[in-house]
Amino acid sequence: MSKFKKFKYIDNISFKNRVLRVLWFFTNIIFFKFTPNIGFFYTWRKFVLIFFGAKIGSNVKISSRCIIWAPWNITIGDYSAIDDYVYLYSIDKITVGSKVAISRGSFIATGSHEIYSLKRKLNTKPIIVKNHAWIAAECFIHPGTIIGQGCVISARSVIKKNTKDWYIYEGNPAKIMKKRIIRK
């Protein structure tokens, strides 16, 4: 086994982060994960997340089945919604604007590993989702991307680059389909 020691995984997560993650793990199970998705419990989950350092606006609905890696790295604006089985892999900052919808099963990933090294160093970059955006079901958002204001990311699309404001994107990798024109 010693011949592989030079390829030992590079672990750059701080001790403080590890301790917070353990506390969050148990708090999530006891006070978050098994609460119903109705009325008062949205406020309760918001309170639990704020206790762990999240910044969350008013009238936000976060599903109890949303998976959150580190609440202290999350900021969410007013009137936004995070659906069931959305994974907020918040190793780095995730900023979600106001009136944003992130639909079922989407994965918002701020971290990945260095693929050109057998040590697989963790690389992180923040993600920003601007106001009025909608990330549809089962999308994957790569680290370091910015989802433009009013963008729609169609179901199962993969975003690898920043998107332009008020456009509809689709595919893997996602490409512009057309301009999003709001009708009143």
N, C-alpha and C. Protein backbone atom coordinates (compact mmCIF):
# COMPACT_ATOMS: atom_id res chain seq x y z
N MET A 1 0.80 -1.21 0.00
CA MET A 1 0.00 0.00 0.00
C MET A 1 0.84 1.27 0.00
N SER A 2 2.05 1.21 0.52
CA SER A 2 2.87 2.42 0.63
C SER A 2 3.22 3.03 -0.72
N LYS A 3 3.21 2.23 -1.78
CA LYS A 3 3.52 2.79 -3.10
C LYS A 3 2.47 3.79 -3.56
N PHE A 4 1.28 3.77 -2.93
CA PHE A 4 0.21 4.70 -3.29
C PHE A 4 0.16 5.92 -2.37
N LYS A 5 1.04 5.99 -1.38
CA LYS A 5 1.04 7.10 -0.42
C LYS A 5 1.22 8.44 -1.12
N LYS A 6 2.02 8.47 -2.19
CA LYS A 6 2.24 9.73 -2.89
C LYS A 6 0.96 10.24 -3.57
N PHE A 7 -0.05 9.39 -3.69
CA PHE A 7 -1.32 9.78 -4.29
C PHE A 7 -2.40 10.03 -3.24
N LYS A 8 -1.98 10.19 -1.98
CA LYS A 8 -2.93 10.40 -0.89
C LYS A 8 -3.83 11.60 -1.21
N TYR A 9 -5.11 11.40 -1.00
CA TYR A 9 -6.11 12.43 -1.23
C TYR A 9 -5.77 13.71 -0.47
N ILE A 10 -5.81 14.85 -1.14
CA ILE A 10 -5.57 16.14 -0.50
C ILE A 10 -6.88 16.62 0.09
N ASP A 11 -6.92 16.72 1.39
CA ASP A 11 -8.13 17.11 2.11
C ASP A 11 -7.94 18.53 2.63
N ASN A 12 -8.68 19.49 2.06
CA ASN A 12 -8.51 20.89 2.45
C ASN A 12 -9.74 21.46 3.14
N ILE A 13 -10.51 20.61 3.83
CA ILE A 13 -11.66 21.08 4.61
C ILE A 13 -11.18 21.31 6.04
N SER A 14 -11.47 22.51 6.56
CA SER A 14 -10.96 22.90 7.88
C SER A 14 -11.60 22.09 9.01
N PHE A 15 -10.92 22.07 10.15
CA PHE A 15 -11.43 21.39 11.34
C PHE A 15 -12.75 22.03 11.80
N LYS A 16 -12.79 23.36 11.78
CA LYS A 16 -14.02 24.07 12.18
C LYS A 16 -15.19 23.65 11.29
N ASN A 17 -14.94 23.57 9.99
CA ASN A 17 -15.98 23.16 9.04
C ASN A 17 -16.45 21.74 9.35
N ARG A 18 -15.52 20.86 9.68
CA ARG A 18 -15.87 19.48 10.03
C ARG A 18 -16.77 19.41 11.27
N VAL A 19 -16.41 20.20 12.29
CA VAL A 19 -17.21 20.22 13.52
C VAL A 19 -18.62 20.74 13.22
N LEU A 20 -18.70 21.84 12.47
CA LEU A 20 -20.01 22.39 12.10
C LEU A 20 -20.82 21.38 11.29
N ARG A 21 -20.16 20.65 10.41
CA ARG A 21 -20.86 19.65 9.59
C ARG A 21 -21.43 18.53 10.45
N VAL A 22 -20.70 18.11 11.47
CA VAL A 22 -21.22 17.07 12.38
C VAL A 22 -22.43 17.61 13.14
N LEU A 23 -22.34 18.84 13.66
CA LEU A 23 -23.48 19.45 14.35
C LEU A 23 -24.67 19.60 13.42
N TRP A 24 -24.42 20.04 12.18
CA TRP A 24 -25.49 20.19 11.20
C TRP A 24 -26.12 18.83 10.86
N PHE A 25 -25.31 17.80 10.73
CA PHE A 25 -25.81 16.46 10.41
C PHE A 25 -26.89 16.04 11.40
N PHE A 26 -26.60 16.14 12.70
CA PHE A 26 -27.56 15.71 13.71
C PHE A 26 -28.75 16.65 13.80
N THR A 27 -28.50 17.96 13.69
CA THR A 27 -29.60 18.93 13.71
C THR A 27 -30.53 18.71 12.53
N ASN A 28 -29.96 18.45 11.37
CA ASN A 28 -30.75 18.20 10.16
C ASN A 28 -31.68 17.00 10.36
N ILE A 29 -31.16 15.94 10.91
CA ILE A 29 -31.97 14.74 11.12
C ILE A 29 -33.08 14.99 12.15
N ILE A 30 -32.76 15.65 13.25
CA ILE A 30 -33.72 15.82 14.34
C ILE A 30 -34.73 16.94 14.07
N PHE A 31 -34.28 18.08 13.53
CA PHE A 31 -35.14 19.27 13.46
C PHE A 31 -35.53 19.73 12.05
N PHE A 32 -35.04 19.07 11.01
CA PHE A 32 -35.26 19.58 9.66
C PHE A 32 -35.86 18.53 8.73
N LYS A 33 -35.16 17.45 8.55
CA LYS A 33 -35.44 16.46 7.51
C LYS A 33 -36.83 15.83 7.59
N PHE A 34 -37.34 15.62 8.80
CA PHE A 34 -38.60 14.90 8.94
C PHE A 34 -39.78 15.81 9.29
N THR A 35 -39.63 17.11 9.05
CA THR A 35 -40.76 18.02 9.28
C THR A 35 -41.62 18.06 8.01
N PRO A 36 -42.94 18.20 8.18
CA PRO A 36 -43.81 18.23 6.99
C PRO A 36 -43.68 19.51 6.17
N ASN A 37 -43.98 19.41 4.89
CA ASN A 37 -43.92 20.57 3.99
C ASN A 37 -45.24 21.32 3.99
N ILE A 38 -45.60 21.87 5.15
CA ILE A 38 -46.82 22.66 5.29
C ILE A 38 -46.59 23.83 6.25
N GLY A 39 -47.35 24.89 6.04
CA GLY A 39 -47.44 26.06 6.91
C GLY A 39 -46.25 26.43 7.76
N PHE A 40 -46.44 26.31 9.08
CA PHE A 40 -45.46 26.74 10.08
C PHE A 40 -44.09 26.11 9.88
N PHE A 41 -44.01 24.91 9.34
CA PHE A 41 -42.74 24.20 9.25
C PHE A 41 -41.77 24.83 8.25
N TYR A 42 -42.27 25.59 7.28
CA TYR A 42 -41.35 26.34 6.41
C TYR A 42 -40.61 27.40 7.24
N THR A 43 -41.35 28.06 8.14
CA THR A 43 -40.74 29.05 9.02
C THR A 43 -39.77 28.37 9.98
N TRP A 44 -40.14 27.22 10.50
CA TRP A 44 -39.28 26.46 11.41
C TRP A 44 -37.95 26.10 10.73
N ARG A 45 -38.04 25.56 9.51
CA ARG A 45 -36.80 25.17 8.79
C ARG A 45 -35.94 26.40 8.50
N LYS A 46 -36.59 27.51 8.16
CA LYS A 46 -35.85 28.76 7.94
C LYS A 46 -35.09 29.14 9.22
N PHE A 47 -35.75 29.05 10.36
CA PHE A 47 -35.12 29.36 11.64
C PHE A 47 -33.91 28.46 11.90
N VAL A 48 -34.07 27.16 11.64
CA VAL A 48 -32.97 26.21 11.85
C VAL A 48 -31.78 26.57 10.96
N LEU A 49 -32.05 26.88 9.69
CA LEU A 49 -30.97 27.25 8.77
C LEU A 49 -30.28 28.55 9.18
N ILE A 50 -31.07 29.54 9.62
CA ILE A 50 -30.50 30.81 10.07
C ILE A 50 -29.63 30.58 11.31
N PHE A 51 -30.06 29.70 12.20
CA PHE A 51 -29.27 29.36 13.38
C PHE A 51 -27.89 28.85 12.97
N PHE A 52 -27.82 28.16 11.84
CA PHE A 52 -26.54 27.65 11.34
C PHE A 52 -25.85 28.61 10.36
N GLY A 53 -26.31 29.85 10.30
CA GLY A 53 -25.59 30.87 9.56
C GLY A 53 -26.13 31.22 8.19
N ALA A 54 -27.20 30.56 7.74
CA ALA A 54 -27.78 30.90 6.44
C ALA A 54 -28.42 32.29 6.52
N LYS A 55 -28.46 32.98 5.38
CA LYS A 55 -29.14 34.26 5.28
C LYS A 55 -30.34 34.04 4.37
N ILE A 56 -31.55 34.15 4.93
CA ILE A 56 -32.75 33.80 4.18
C ILE A 56 -33.78 34.92 4.30
N GLY A 57 -34.33 35.33 3.15
CA GLY A 57 -35.32 36.40 3.09
C GLY A 57 -36.69 35.96 3.56
N SER A 58 -37.68 36.80 3.31
CA SER A 58 -39.04 36.51 3.76
C SER A 58 -39.80 35.65 2.74
N ASN A 59 -40.77 34.91 3.25
CA ASN A 59 -41.66 34.07 2.44
C ASN A 59 -40.90 33.07 1.56
N VAL A 60 -39.85 32.49 2.10
CA VAL A 60 -39.07 31.48 1.40
C VAL A 60 -39.58 30.10 1.79
N LYS A 61 -39.71 29.22 0.82
CA LYS A 61 -40.15 27.85 1.09
C LYS A 61 -39.03 26.89 0.71
N ILE A 62 -38.51 26.22 1.73
CA ILE A 62 -37.46 25.23 1.53
C ILE A 62 -38.01 23.88 1.97
N SER A 63 -38.01 22.92 1.08
CA SER A 63 -38.53 21.59 1.37
C SER A 63 -37.69 20.90 2.44
N SER A 64 -38.35 20.10 3.25
CA SER A 64 -37.63 19.31 4.26
C SER A 64 -36.76 18.24 3.62
N ARG A 65 -37.06 17.91 2.38
CA ARG A 65 -36.28 16.89 1.67
C ARG A 65 -35.18 17.50 0.79
N CYS A 66 -34.95 18.79 0.96
CA CYS A 66 -33.81 19.44 0.31
C CYS A 66 -32.55 19.02 1.08
N ILE A 67 -31.48 18.78 0.36
CA ILE A 67 -30.23 18.35 1.00
C ILE A 67 -29.26 19.53 0.97
N ILE A 68 -28.80 19.91 2.16
CA ILE A 68 -27.94 21.09 2.28
C ILE A 68 -26.64 20.67 2.94
N TRP A 69 -25.52 20.91 2.26
CA TRP A 69 -24.22 20.51 2.78
C TRP A 69 -23.76 21.40 3.92
N ALA A 70 -23.85 22.72 3.74
CA ALA A 70 -23.39 23.67 4.76
C ALA A 70 -24.28 24.91 4.73
N PRO A 71 -25.24 25.03 5.65
CA PRO A 71 -26.15 26.19 5.64
C PRO A 71 -25.44 27.53 5.74
N TRP A 72 -24.30 27.59 6.41
CA TRP A 72 -23.58 28.86 6.60
C TRP A 72 -23.05 29.43 5.29
N ASN A 73 -23.10 28.67 4.22
CA ASN A 73 -22.65 29.16 2.90
C ASN A 73 -23.81 29.52 1.97
N ILE A 74 -25.01 29.66 2.52
CA ILE A 74 -26.20 29.87 1.68
C ILE A 74 -26.86 31.21 1.99
N THR A 75 -27.21 31.94 0.91
CA THR A 75 -27.99 33.17 1.00
C THR A 75 -29.15 33.02 0.02
N ILE A 76 -30.38 33.27 0.49
CA ILE A 76 -31.57 33.14 -0.36
C ILE A 76 -32.42 34.39 -0.18
N GLY A 77 -32.83 35.01 -1.30
CA GLY A 77 -33.66 36.21 -1.27
C GLY A 77 -35.12 35.90 -0.97
N ASP A 78 -35.96 36.93 -1.04
CA ASP A 78 -37.39 36.82 -0.72
C ASP A 78 -38.16 36.01 -1.77
N TYR A 79 -39.21 35.34 -1.32
CA TYR A 79 -40.18 34.63 -2.17
C TYR A 79 -39.55 33.56 -3.07
N SER A 80 -38.49 32.95 -2.64
CA SER A 80 -37.87 31.88 -3.42
C SER A 80 -38.31 30.53 -2.89
N ALA A 81 -38.17 29.49 -3.72
CA ALA A 81 -38.59 28.15 -3.33
C ALA A 81 -37.55 27.12 -3.76
N ILE A 82 -37.23 26.22 -2.82
CA ILE A 82 -36.30 25.13 -3.07
C ILE A 82 -37.09 23.84 -2.87
N ASP A 83 -37.21 23.03 -3.90
CA ASP A 83 -38.10 21.86 -3.91
C ASP A 83 -37.43 20.62 -3.30
N ASP A 84 -38.20 19.53 -3.28
CA ASP A 84 -37.73 18.23 -2.79
C ASP A 84 -36.51 17.76 -3.56
N TYR A 85 -35.60 17.14 -2.84
CA TYR A 85 -34.42 16.46 -3.39
C TYR A 85 -33.47 17.39 -4.16
N VAL A 86 -33.61 18.69 -3.96
CA VAL A 86 -32.61 19.61 -4.49
C VAL A 86 -31.39 19.47 -3.58
N TYR A 87 -30.21 19.36 -4.18
CA TYR A 87 -28.98 19.23 -3.41
C TYR A 87 -28.21 20.53 -3.53
N LEU A 88 -28.11 21.25 -2.42
CA LEU A 88 -27.31 22.46 -2.37
C LEU A 88 -25.95 22.06 -1.80
N TYR A 89 -25.04 21.71 -2.70
CA TYR A 89 -23.70 21.26 -2.32
C TYR A 89 -22.86 22.49 -2.07
N SER A 90 -23.08 23.08 -0.90
CA SER A 90 -22.58 24.42 -0.58
C SER A 90 -21.23 24.38 0.13
N ILE A 91 -20.26 23.73 -0.47
CA ILE A 91 -18.90 23.78 0.05
C ILE A 91 -18.40 25.22 -0.05
N ASP A 92 -18.81 25.92 -1.09
CA ASP A 92 -18.53 27.34 -1.28
C ASP A 92 -19.88 28.06 -1.23
N LYS A 93 -19.89 29.36 -1.41
CA LYS A 93 -21.12 30.16 -1.31
C LYS A 93 -22.10 29.86 -2.43
N ILE A 94 -23.37 29.76 -2.05
CA ILE A 94 -24.48 29.71 -3.02
C ILE A 94 -25.37 30.90 -2.69
N THR A 95 -25.55 31.79 -3.67
CA THR A 95 -26.40 32.95 -3.51
C THR A 95 -27.58 32.81 -4.46
N VAL A 96 -28.77 32.76 -3.89
CA VAL A 96 -30.01 32.63 -4.66
C VAL A 96 -30.78 33.92 -4.48
N GLY A 97 -31.17 34.54 -5.58
CA GLY A 97 -31.89 35.81 -5.53
C GLY A 97 -33.32 35.66 -5.07
N SER A 98 -34.11 36.69 -5.30
CA SER A 98 -35.53 36.70 -4.94
C SER A 98 -36.39 36.15 -6.09
N LYS A 99 -37.51 35.56 -5.71
CA LYS A 99 -38.47 34.98 -6.66
C LYS A 99 -37.81 33.97 -7.59
N VAL A 100 -36.97 33.13 -7.01
CA VAL A 100 -36.27 32.06 -7.73
C VAL A 100 -36.93 30.73 -7.38
N ALA A 101 -37.05 29.85 -8.36
CA ALA A 101 -37.53 28.49 -8.12
C ALA A 101 -36.45 27.50 -8.54
N ILE A 102 -36.11 26.60 -7.64
CA ILE A 102 -35.20 25.51 -7.96
C ILE A 102 -35.99 24.22 -7.77
N SER A 103 -36.24 23.54 -8.88
CA SER A 103 -37.18 22.41 -8.91
C SER A 103 -36.53 21.09 -8.51
N ARG A 104 -37.41 20.15 -8.28
CA ARG A 104 -37.10 18.82 -7.76
C ARG A 104 -35.88 18.16 -8.41
N GLY A 105 -34.98 17.71 -7.55
CA GLY A 105 -33.87 16.89 -7.99
C GLY A 105 -32.70 17.63 -8.62
N SER A 106 -32.71 18.95 -8.62
CA SER A 106 -31.58 19.68 -9.20
C SER A 106 -30.38 19.64 -8.25
N PHE A 107 -29.19 19.71 -8.82
CA PHE A 107 -27.95 19.63 -8.06
C PHE A 107 -27.16 20.90 -8.32
N ILE A 108 -26.96 21.70 -7.26
CA ILE A 108 -26.23 22.95 -7.36
C ILE A 108 -24.87 22.70 -6.69
N ALA A 109 -23.83 22.52 -7.49
CA ALA A 109 -22.54 22.04 -6.99
C ALA A 109 -21.48 23.12 -6.99
N THR A 110 -21.03 23.52 -5.81
CA THR A 110 -19.96 24.50 -5.72
C THR A 110 -18.58 23.86 -5.62
N GLY A 111 -18.53 22.54 -5.60
CA GLY A 111 -17.25 21.87 -5.47
C GLY A 111 -17.09 20.69 -6.40
N SER A 112 -15.85 20.44 -6.76
CA SER A 112 -15.49 19.28 -7.56
C SER A 112 -14.03 18.95 -7.25
N HIS A 113 -13.52 17.91 -7.84
CA HIS A 113 -12.14 17.52 -7.57
C HIS A 113 -11.26 17.72 -8.79
N GLU A 114 -10.00 17.98 -8.54
CA GLU A 114 -9.01 18.13 -9.59
C GLU A 114 -8.87 16.80 -10.32
N ILE A 115 -9.23 16.77 -11.58
CA ILE A 115 -9.22 15.50 -12.32
C ILE A 115 -7.88 15.20 -12.97
N TYR A 116 -6.97 16.16 -12.99
CA TYR A 116 -5.67 15.94 -13.62
C TYR A 116 -4.59 15.60 -12.60
N SER A 117 -5.02 15.19 -11.41
CA SER A 117 -4.10 14.76 -10.37
C SER A 117 -4.70 13.55 -9.66
N LEU A 118 -3.90 12.57 -9.35
CA LEU A 118 -4.39 11.41 -8.62
C LEU A 118 -4.63 11.71 -7.15
N LYS A 119 -4.27 12.92 -6.72
CA LYS A 119 -4.54 13.33 -5.34
C LYS A 119 -5.94 13.92 -5.18
N ARG A 120 -6.59 14.23 -6.28
CA ARG A 120 -7.98 14.69 -6.31
C ARG A 120 -8.29 15.86 -5.36
N LYS A 121 -7.47 16.89 -5.41
CA LYS A 121 -7.69 18.06 -4.57
C LYS A 121 -9.08 18.64 -4.81
N LEU A 122 -9.74 19.06 -3.73
CA LEU A 122 -11.05 19.67 -3.82
C LEU A 122 -10.93 21.10 -4.32
N ASN A 123 -11.66 21.43 -5.38
CA ASN A 123 -11.72 22.79 -5.91
C ASN A 123 -13.13 23.32 -5.70
N THR A 124 -13.25 24.54 -5.26
CA THR A 124 -14.58 25.13 -5.04
C THR A 124 -14.68 26.49 -5.71
N LYS A 125 -15.90 26.81 -6.15
CA LYS A 125 -16.20 28.13 -6.71
C LYS A 125 -17.66 28.44 -6.38
N PRO A 126 -17.97 29.69 -6.05
CA PRO A 126 -19.35 30.04 -5.68
C PRO A 126 -20.29 30.01 -6.88
N ILE A 127 -21.57 29.90 -6.58
CA ILE A 127 -22.63 29.93 -7.60
C ILE A 127 -23.60 31.04 -7.23
N ILE A 128 -24.05 31.77 -8.25
CA ILE A 128 -25.04 32.83 -8.07
C ILE A 128 -26.23 32.53 -8.98
N VAL A 129 -27.42 32.57 -8.40
CA VAL A 129 -28.67 32.43 -9.17
C VAL A 129 -29.41 33.75 -8.97
N LYS A 130 -29.54 34.53 -10.04
CA LYS A 130 -30.12 35.87 -9.93
C LYS A 130 -31.65 35.82 -9.86
N ASN A 131 -32.24 36.97 -9.54
CA ASN A 131 -33.69 37.11 -9.35
C ASN A 131 -34.50 36.57 -10.53
N HIS A 132 -35.65 36.01 -10.23
CA HIS A 132 -36.64 35.53 -11.20
C HIS A 132 -36.19 34.34 -12.05
N ALA A 133 -35.10 33.71 -11.68
CA ALA A 133 -34.64 32.53 -12.44
C ALA A 133 -35.43 31.31 -12.02
N TRP A 134 -35.49 30.35 -12.92
CA TRP A 134 -36.15 29.07 -12.64
C TRP A 134 -35.25 27.96 -13.14
N ILE A 135 -34.78 27.15 -12.21
CA ILE A 135 -33.99 25.97 -12.54
C ILE A 135 -34.95 24.79 -12.45
N ALA A 136 -35.30 24.22 -13.59
CA ALA A 136 -36.31 23.16 -13.65
C ALA A 136 -35.74 21.84 -13.11
N ALA A 137 -36.56 20.82 -13.13
CA ALA A 137 -36.25 19.53 -12.50
C ALA A 137 -34.96 18.90 -13.02
N GLU A 138 -34.19 18.37 -12.08
CA GLU A 138 -33.01 17.54 -12.32
C GLU A 138 -31.90 18.20 -13.14
N CYS A 139 -31.73 19.50 -12.96
CA CYS A 139 -30.64 20.21 -13.63
C CYS A 139 -29.36 20.06 -12.81
N PHE A 140 -28.23 20.24 -13.47
CA PHE A 140 -26.93 20.26 -12.79
C PHE A 140 -26.28 21.60 -13.09
N ILE A 141 -25.89 22.31 -12.02
CA ILE A 141 -25.24 23.61 -12.16
C ILE A 141 -23.80 23.46 -11.69
N HIS A 142 -22.85 23.69 -12.59
CA HIS A 142 -21.43 23.52 -12.30
C HIS A 142 -20.89 24.63 -11.39
N PRO A 143 -19.82 24.34 -10.64
CA PRO A 143 -19.18 25.36 -9.79
C PRO A 143 -18.78 26.60 -10.58
N GLY A 144 -18.96 27.76 -9.96
CA GLY A 144 -18.50 29.01 -10.53
C GLY A 144 -19.43 29.65 -11.54
N THR A 145 -20.62 29.09 -11.75
CA THR A 145 -21.51 29.67 -12.76
C THR A 145 -22.46 30.69 -12.15
N ILE A 146 -22.91 31.58 -13.03
CA ILE A 146 -23.92 32.58 -12.66
C ILE A 146 -25.12 32.34 -13.56
N ILE A 147 -26.26 32.11 -12.93
CA ILE A 147 -27.52 31.96 -13.66
C ILE A 147 -28.13 33.36 -13.75
N GLY A 148 -28.28 33.85 -14.96
CA GLY A 148 -28.73 35.23 -15.20
C GLY A 148 -30.14 35.50 -14.72
N GLN A 149 -30.44 36.77 -14.52
CA GLN A 149 -31.77 37.19 -14.07
C GLN A 149 -32.83 36.72 -15.06
N GLY A 150 -33.89 36.12 -14.53
CA GLY A 150 -35.02 35.70 -15.35
C GLY A 150 -34.77 34.49 -16.24
N CYS A 151 -33.63 33.86 -16.10
CA CYS A 151 -33.32 32.68 -16.93
C CYS A 151 -34.20 31.49 -16.55
N VAL A 152 -34.50 30.68 -17.53
CA VAL A 152 -35.12 29.38 -17.29
C VAL A 152 -34.13 28.33 -17.77
N ILE A 153 -33.80 27.40 -16.89
CA ILE A 153 -32.94 26.28 -17.24
C ILE A 153 -33.87 25.08 -17.35
N SER A 154 -34.07 24.60 -18.56
CA SER A 154 -35.02 23.51 -18.81
C SER A 154 -34.61 22.23 -18.11
N ALA A 155 -35.59 21.37 -17.87
CA ALA A 155 -35.39 20.13 -17.13
C ALA A 155 -34.20 19.33 -17.66
N ARG A 156 -33.44 18.79 -16.73
CA ARG A 156 -32.28 17.93 -16.98
C ARG A 156 -31.16 18.58 -17.78
N SER A 157 -31.11 19.89 -17.77
CA SER A 157 -30.03 20.60 -18.46
C SER A 157 -28.81 20.68 -17.57
N VAL A 158 -27.65 20.88 -18.20
CA VAL A 158 -26.39 21.01 -17.48
C VAL A 158 -25.78 22.36 -17.83
N ILE A 159 -25.57 23.17 -16.80
CA ILE A 159 -25.01 24.50 -17.00
C ILE A 159 -23.54 24.48 -16.62
N LYS A 160 -22.68 24.78 -17.61
CA LYS A 160 -21.23 24.81 -17.38
C LYS A 160 -20.66 26.22 -17.44
N LYS A 161 -21.43 27.16 -18.02
CA LYS A 161 -20.96 28.54 -18.20
C LYS A 161 -22.05 29.49 -17.72
N ASN A 162 -21.68 30.74 -17.51
CA ASN A 162 -22.64 31.77 -17.12
C ASN A 162 -23.74 31.89 -18.17
N THR A 163 -24.94 32.22 -17.72
CA THR A 163 -26.06 32.39 -18.65
C THR A 163 -26.44 33.86 -18.75
N LYS A 164 -27.04 34.22 -19.88
CA LYS A 164 -27.48 35.60 -20.11
C LYS A 164 -28.84 35.81 -19.47
N ASP A 165 -29.11 37.04 -19.07
CA ASP A 165 -30.40 37.40 -18.47
C ASP A 165 -31.54 37.16 -19.46
N TRP A 166 -32.65 36.62 -18.95
CA TRP A 166 -33.92 36.48 -19.65
C TRP A 166 -33.85 35.59 -20.90
N TYR A 167 -33.09 34.51 -20.81
CA TYR A 167 -33.06 33.51 -21.88
C TYR A 167 -33.44 32.14 -21.34
N ILE A 168 -33.89 31.27 -22.23
CA ILE A 168 -34.24 29.89 -21.89
C ILE A 168 -33.11 29.00 -22.41
N TYR A 169 -32.58 28.16 -21.52
CA TYR A 169 -31.48 27.26 -21.86
C TYR A 169 -31.95 25.82 -21.78
N GLU A 170 -31.34 24.98 -22.62
CA GLU A 170 -31.74 23.57 -22.66
C GLU A 170 -30.58 22.71 -23.13
N GLY A 171 -30.46 21.50 -22.57
CA GLY A 171 -29.51 20.52 -23.08
C GLY A 171 -28.31 20.27 -22.19
N ASN A 172 -27.41 19.42 -22.73
CA ASN A 172 -26.18 19.05 -22.03
C ASN A 172 -25.03 19.03 -23.04
N PRO A 173 -24.15 20.04 -23.02
CA PRO A 173 -24.24 21.25 -22.21
C PRO A 173 -25.36 22.16 -22.71
N ALA A 174 -25.92 22.93 -21.81
CA ALA A 174 -27.07 23.77 -22.15
C ALA A 174 -26.70 24.87 -23.14
N LYS A 175 -27.62 25.10 -24.05
CA LYS A 175 -27.48 26.16 -25.06
C LYS A 175 -28.74 27.02 -25.04
N ILE A 176 -28.61 28.24 -25.52
CA ILE A 176 -29.77 29.13 -25.59
C ILE A 176 -30.79 28.55 -26.57
N MET A 177 -32.04 28.47 -26.12
CA MET A 177 -33.14 28.05 -27.00
C MET A 177 -33.85 29.26 -27.58
N LYS A 178 -34.19 30.21 -26.68
CA LYS A 178 -34.83 31.44 -27.15
C LYS A 178 -34.90 32.43 -26.00
N LYS A 179 -35.29 33.65 -26.33
CA LYS A 179 -35.46 34.72 -25.36
C LYS A 179 -36.71 34.43 -24.54
N ARG A 180 -36.63 34.69 -23.24
CA ARG A 180 -37.81 34.55 -22.38
C ARG A 180 -38.53 35.89 -22.35
N ILE A 181 -39.72 35.92 -22.93
CA ILE A 181 -40.52 37.15 -22.97
C ILE A 181 -41.68 36.98 -22.00
N ILE A 182 -41.76 37.87 -21.03
CA ILE A 182 -42.79 37.78 -20.01
C ILE A 182 -44.06 38.45 -20.52
N ARG A 183 -45.15 37.70 -20.50
CA ARG A 183 -46.47 38.24 -20.88
C ARG A 183 -47.24 38.50 -19.61
N LYS A 184 -47.90 39.63 -19.56
CA LYS A 184 -48.62 39.99 -18.33
C LYS A 184 -49.94 39.39 -18.23
